[in-house]
Amino acid sequence: MTTVVLDHKNYLEKITEVYVFASVDKDGEGIIGHTIHINGQNVFMTFVCADKARMESLKPMAKQIARDHHKKVKLIRLSVREELEEYGK
């Protein structure tokens, strides 16, 4: 297995909310996403983000997934921050 680390500059001062796109069926909820090809492997990327611009960019894909798979999809905003652990410097 190959681990890919993307070293992009962080741009949010502090993450205060997280947006999640979740499908809903008789058994409950599950986070949706799509598969992308990275370094020769298919990787499932969940539709979870921490800023409104990214959330807005995911909306059309979430709506398409709902249509294509005949599923209800909810956009959920989680906004209670609790820092559980810290690693590194």
N, C-alpha and C. Protein backbone atom coordinates (compact mmCIF):
# COMPACT_ATOMS: atom_id res chain seq x y z
N MET A 1 0.84 -1.18 0.00
CA MET A 1 0.00 0.00 0.00
C MET A 1 0.89 1.24 0.00
N THR A 2 0.49 2.23 -0.78
CA THR A 2 1.23 3.48 -0.88
C THR A 2 0.47 4.57 -0.14
N THR A 3 1.19 5.33 0.68
CA THR A 3 0.59 6.47 1.36
C THR A 3 0.96 7.73 0.60
N VAL A 4 -0.04 8.54 0.29
CA VAL A 4 0.18 9.78 -0.43
C VAL A 4 -0.08 10.94 0.53
N VAL A 5 0.91 11.81 0.69
CA VAL A 5 0.75 12.97 1.55
C VAL A 5 0.80 14.21 0.67
N LEU A 6 -0.25 15.01 0.72
CA LEU A 6 -0.28 16.26 -0.02
C LEU A 6 0.08 17.37 0.96
N ASP A 7 1.13 18.10 0.66
CA ASP A 7 1.62 19.13 1.58
C ASP A 7 1.19 20.50 1.10
N HIS A 8 -0.11 20.75 1.17
CA HIS A 8 -0.65 22.05 0.78
C HIS A 8 -0.67 22.97 2.00
N LYS A 9 -0.58 24.25 1.75
CA LYS A 9 -0.66 25.23 2.83
C LYS A 9 -2.08 25.25 3.37
N ASN A 10 -2.21 25.20 4.69
CA ASN A 10 -3.52 25.32 5.32
C ASN A 10 -4.04 26.73 5.11
N TYR A 11 -5.33 26.86 4.86
CA TYR A 11 -5.88 28.18 4.57
C TYR A 11 -6.99 28.60 5.53
N LEU A 12 -7.45 27.72 6.38
CA LEU A 12 -8.46 28.08 7.36
C LEU A 12 -7.76 28.40 8.68
N GLU A 13 -8.10 29.55 9.27
CA GLU A 13 -7.47 29.92 10.54
C GLU A 13 -7.76 28.87 11.60
N LYS A 14 -9.02 28.47 11.68
CA LYS A 14 -9.43 27.43 12.63
C LYS A 14 -10.68 26.78 12.07
N ILE A 15 -10.74 25.47 12.09
CA ILE A 15 -11.92 24.76 11.59
C ILE A 15 -12.98 24.83 12.69
N THR A 16 -14.10 25.47 12.36
CA THR A 16 -15.18 25.64 13.33
C THR A 16 -16.44 24.88 12.96
N GLU A 17 -16.48 24.37 11.73
CA GLU A 17 -17.62 23.57 11.30
C GLU A 17 -17.16 22.62 10.20
N VAL A 18 -17.89 21.54 10.08
CA VAL A 18 -17.60 20.54 9.05
C VAL A 18 -18.91 20.21 8.36
N TYR A 19 -18.86 20.13 7.04
CA TYR A 19 -20.03 19.77 6.25
C TYR A 19 -19.88 18.32 5.78
N VAL A 20 -20.98 17.58 5.84
CA VAL A 20 -20.99 16.18 5.46
C VAL A 20 -22.20 15.95 4.55
N PHE A 21 -21.97 15.25 3.44
CA PHE A 21 -23.08 14.83 2.59
C PHE A 21 -23.34 13.36 2.90
N ALA A 22 -24.56 13.05 3.33
CA ALA A 22 -24.89 11.69 3.76
C ALA A 22 -26.11 11.17 3.02
N SER A 23 -26.03 9.91 2.60
CA SER A 23 -27.21 9.27 2.02
C SER A 23 -28.05 8.71 3.17
N VAL A 24 -29.34 8.58 2.90
CA VAL A 24 -30.27 8.11 3.92
C VAL A 24 -31.10 6.98 3.32
N ASP A 25 -31.19 5.87 4.04
CA ASP A 25 -32.08 4.78 3.64
C ASP A 25 -32.69 4.17 4.88
N LYS A 26 -33.39 3.07 4.72
CA LYS A 26 -34.10 2.46 5.85
C LYS A 26 -33.17 2.00 6.97
N ASP A 27 -31.89 1.79 6.65
CA ASP A 27 -30.93 1.32 7.65
C ASP A 27 -30.19 2.44 8.36
N GLY A 28 -30.33 3.69 7.88
CA GLY A 28 -29.66 4.80 8.54
C GLY A 28 -28.98 5.72 7.54
N GLU A 29 -27.86 6.33 7.97
CA GLU A 29 -27.13 7.29 7.15
C GLU A 29 -25.72 6.79 6.88
N GLY A 30 -25.16 7.26 5.76
CA GLY A 30 -23.78 6.95 5.42
C GLY A 30 -23.19 8.08 4.59
N ILE A 31 -21.94 8.38 4.79
CA ILE A 31 -21.28 9.46 4.07
C ILE A 31 -21.07 9.05 2.62
N ILE A 32 -21.43 9.94 1.70
CA ILE A 32 -21.24 9.65 0.28
C ILE A 32 -19.90 10.21 -0.19
N GLY A 33 -19.52 9.84 -1.38
CA GLY A 33 -18.29 10.33 -1.98
C GLY A 33 -18.16 9.78 -3.38
N HIS A 34 -16.95 9.86 -3.91
CA HIS A 34 -16.70 9.29 -5.23
C HIS A 34 -15.30 8.72 -5.28
N THR A 35 -15.07 7.90 -6.25
CA THR A 35 -13.77 7.27 -6.42
C THR A 35 -12.94 8.08 -7.40
N ILE A 36 -11.70 8.35 -7.02
CA ILE A 36 -10.76 9.02 -7.92
C ILE A 36 -9.52 8.16 -8.06
N HIS A 37 -8.81 8.38 -9.13
CA HIS A 37 -7.62 7.58 -9.44
C HIS A 37 -6.38 8.35 -8.99
N ILE A 38 -5.62 7.81 -8.02
CA ILE A 38 -4.39 8.44 -7.52
C ILE A 38 -3.27 7.41 -7.54
N ASN A 39 -2.17 7.75 -8.19
CA ASN A 39 -0.99 6.87 -8.22
C ASN A 39 -1.33 5.42 -8.59
N GLY A 40 -2.17 5.27 -9.59
CA GLY A 40 -2.49 3.93 -10.08
C GLY A 40 -3.51 3.18 -9.27
N GLN A 41 -4.09 3.81 -8.27
CA GLN A 41 -5.08 3.14 -7.43
C GLN A 41 -6.36 3.94 -7.37
N ASN A 42 -7.48 3.25 -7.24
CA ASN A 42 -8.75 3.91 -7.02
C ASN A 42 -8.90 4.20 -5.53
N VAL A 43 -9.20 5.43 -5.20
CA VAL A 43 -9.32 5.87 -3.81
C VAL A 43 -10.70 6.49 -3.62
N PHE A 44 -11.39 6.09 -2.56
CA PHE A 44 -12.70 6.66 -2.26
C PHE A 44 -12.52 7.94 -1.47
N MET A 45 -13.01 9.04 -2.00
CA MET A 45 -12.92 10.35 -1.36
C MET A 45 -14.30 10.73 -0.84
N THR A 46 -14.41 10.88 0.46
CA THR A 46 -15.70 11.21 1.07
C THR A 46 -16.04 12.68 0.85
N PHE A 47 -17.31 12.98 0.85
CA PHE A 47 -17.79 14.35 0.71
C PHE A 47 -17.90 14.96 2.10
N VAL A 48 -16.76 15.29 2.67
CA VAL A 48 -16.64 15.94 3.97
C VAL A 48 -15.71 17.13 3.76
N CYS A 49 -16.11 18.31 4.24
CA CYS A 49 -15.27 19.49 4.03
C CYS A 49 -15.47 20.48 5.17
N ALA A 50 -14.57 21.47 5.23
CA ALA A 50 -14.57 22.40 6.36
C ALA A 50 -14.76 23.85 5.95
N ASP A 51 -15.15 24.10 4.73
CA ASP A 51 -15.41 25.48 4.32
C ASP A 51 -16.56 25.52 3.32
N LYS A 52 -17.23 26.66 3.29
CA LYS A 52 -18.44 26.79 2.47
C LYS A 52 -18.14 26.70 0.98
N ALA A 53 -17.00 27.21 0.55
CA ALA A 53 -16.68 27.16 -0.88
C ALA A 53 -16.55 25.72 -1.35
N ARG A 54 -15.86 24.88 -0.60
CA ARG A 54 -15.72 23.47 -0.96
C ARG A 54 -17.07 22.77 -0.90
N MET A 55 -17.88 23.10 0.12
CA MET A 55 -19.20 22.51 0.24
C MET A 55 -20.04 22.83 -0.99
N GLU A 56 -20.01 24.08 -1.41
CA GLU A 56 -20.77 24.48 -2.60
C GLU A 56 -20.28 23.75 -3.84
N SER A 57 -18.97 23.50 -3.93
CA SER A 57 -18.43 22.79 -5.10
C SER A 57 -18.83 21.32 -5.13
N LEU A 58 -19.13 20.75 -3.97
CA LEU A 58 -19.55 19.34 -3.90
C LEU A 58 -21.05 19.15 -4.13
N LYS A 59 -21.83 20.21 -3.94
CA LYS A 59 -23.29 20.09 -4.07
C LYS A 59 -23.75 19.48 -5.39
N PRO A 60 -23.25 19.96 -6.54
CA PRO A 60 -23.74 19.36 -7.80
C PRO A 60 -23.45 17.86 -7.89
N MET A 61 -22.30 17.42 -7.40
CA MET A 61 -21.99 15.99 -7.44
C MET A 61 -22.88 15.22 -6.49
N ALA A 62 -23.16 15.78 -5.32
CA ALA A 62 -24.05 15.11 -4.36
C ALA A 62 -25.45 14.97 -4.93
N LYS A 63 -25.93 16.02 -5.59
CA LYS A 63 -27.25 15.96 -6.22
C LYS A 63 -27.29 14.93 -7.34
N GLN A 64 -26.20 14.82 -8.10
CA GLN A 64 -26.12 13.83 -9.18
C GLN A 64 -26.12 12.41 -8.62
N ILE A 65 -25.39 12.20 -7.53
CA ILE A 65 -25.38 10.88 -6.88
C ILE A 65 -26.79 10.52 -6.42
N ALA A 66 -27.51 11.49 -5.84
CA ALA A 66 -28.89 11.24 -5.38
C ALA A 66 -29.77 10.83 -6.55
N ARG A 67 -29.64 11.55 -7.67
CA ARG A 67 -30.44 11.22 -8.86
C ARG A 67 -30.06 9.85 -9.43
N ASP A 68 -28.78 9.63 -9.62
CA ASP A 68 -28.31 8.40 -10.27
C ASP A 68 -28.63 7.15 -9.46
N HIS A 69 -28.60 7.27 -8.14
CA HIS A 69 -28.77 6.09 -7.28
C HIS A 69 -30.12 6.06 -6.56
N HIS A 70 -30.99 7.01 -6.92
CA HIS A 70 -32.34 7.08 -6.34
C HIS A 70 -32.28 7.04 -4.81
N LYS A 71 -31.40 7.88 -4.26
CA LYS A 71 -31.21 7.96 -2.81
C LYS A 71 -31.54 9.36 -2.33
N LYS A 72 -31.96 9.46 -1.08
CA LYS A 72 -32.07 10.76 -0.44
C LYS A 72 -30.67 11.11 0.06
N VAL A 73 -30.23 12.33 -0.21
CA VAL A 73 -28.93 12.80 0.28
C VAL A 73 -29.17 14.06 1.08
N LYS A 74 -28.59 14.10 2.29
CA LYS A 74 -28.71 15.26 3.16
C LYS A 74 -27.36 15.97 3.24
N LEU A 75 -27.42 17.29 3.35
CA LEU A 75 -26.24 18.09 3.66
C LEU A 75 -26.33 18.42 5.14
N ILE A 76 -25.31 18.01 5.88
CA ILE A 76 -25.31 18.16 7.34
C ILE A 76 -24.15 19.07 7.74
N ARG A 77 -24.41 20.01 8.63
CA ARG A 77 -23.35 20.87 9.17
C ARG A 77 -23.15 20.51 10.63
N LEU A 78 -21.93 20.14 10.97
CA LEU A 78 -21.57 19.83 12.36
C LEU A 78 -20.73 20.99 12.88
N SER A 79 -21.09 21.52 14.06
CA SER A 79 -20.41 22.75 14.48
C SER A 79 -19.98 22.78 15.94
N VAL A 80 -19.87 21.67 16.57
CA VAL A 80 -19.34 21.63 17.93
C VAL A 80 -17.92 21.07 17.84
N ARG A 81 -16.96 21.88 18.26
CA ARG A 81 -15.56 21.48 18.16
C ARG A 81 -15.10 20.94 19.51
N GLU A 82 -14.49 19.75 19.48
CA GLU A 82 -13.89 19.15 20.65
C GLU A 82 -12.56 18.56 20.22
N GLU A 83 -11.48 19.12 20.70
CA GLU A 83 -10.14 18.61 20.35
C GLU A 83 -9.85 17.43 21.26
N LEU A 84 -9.67 16.24 20.66
CA LEU A 84 -9.47 15.03 21.43
C LEU A 84 -8.01 14.71 21.70
N GLU A 85 -7.16 14.88 20.70
CA GLU A 85 -5.74 14.58 20.83
C GLU A 85 -4.96 15.49 19.90
N GLU A 86 -3.64 15.52 20.08
CA GLU A 86 -2.77 16.30 19.21
C GLU A 86 -1.50 15.49 18.98
N TYR A 87 -0.99 15.53 17.74
CA TYR A 87 0.20 14.76 17.38
C TYR A 87 1.22 15.69 16.75
N GLY A 88 2.47 15.37 16.84
CA GLY A 88 3.51 16.15 16.17
C GLY A 88 3.97 17.34 17.00
N LYS A 89 4.59 18.28 16.32
CA LYS A 89 5.26 19.43 16.97
C LYS A 89 4.35 20.22 17.85
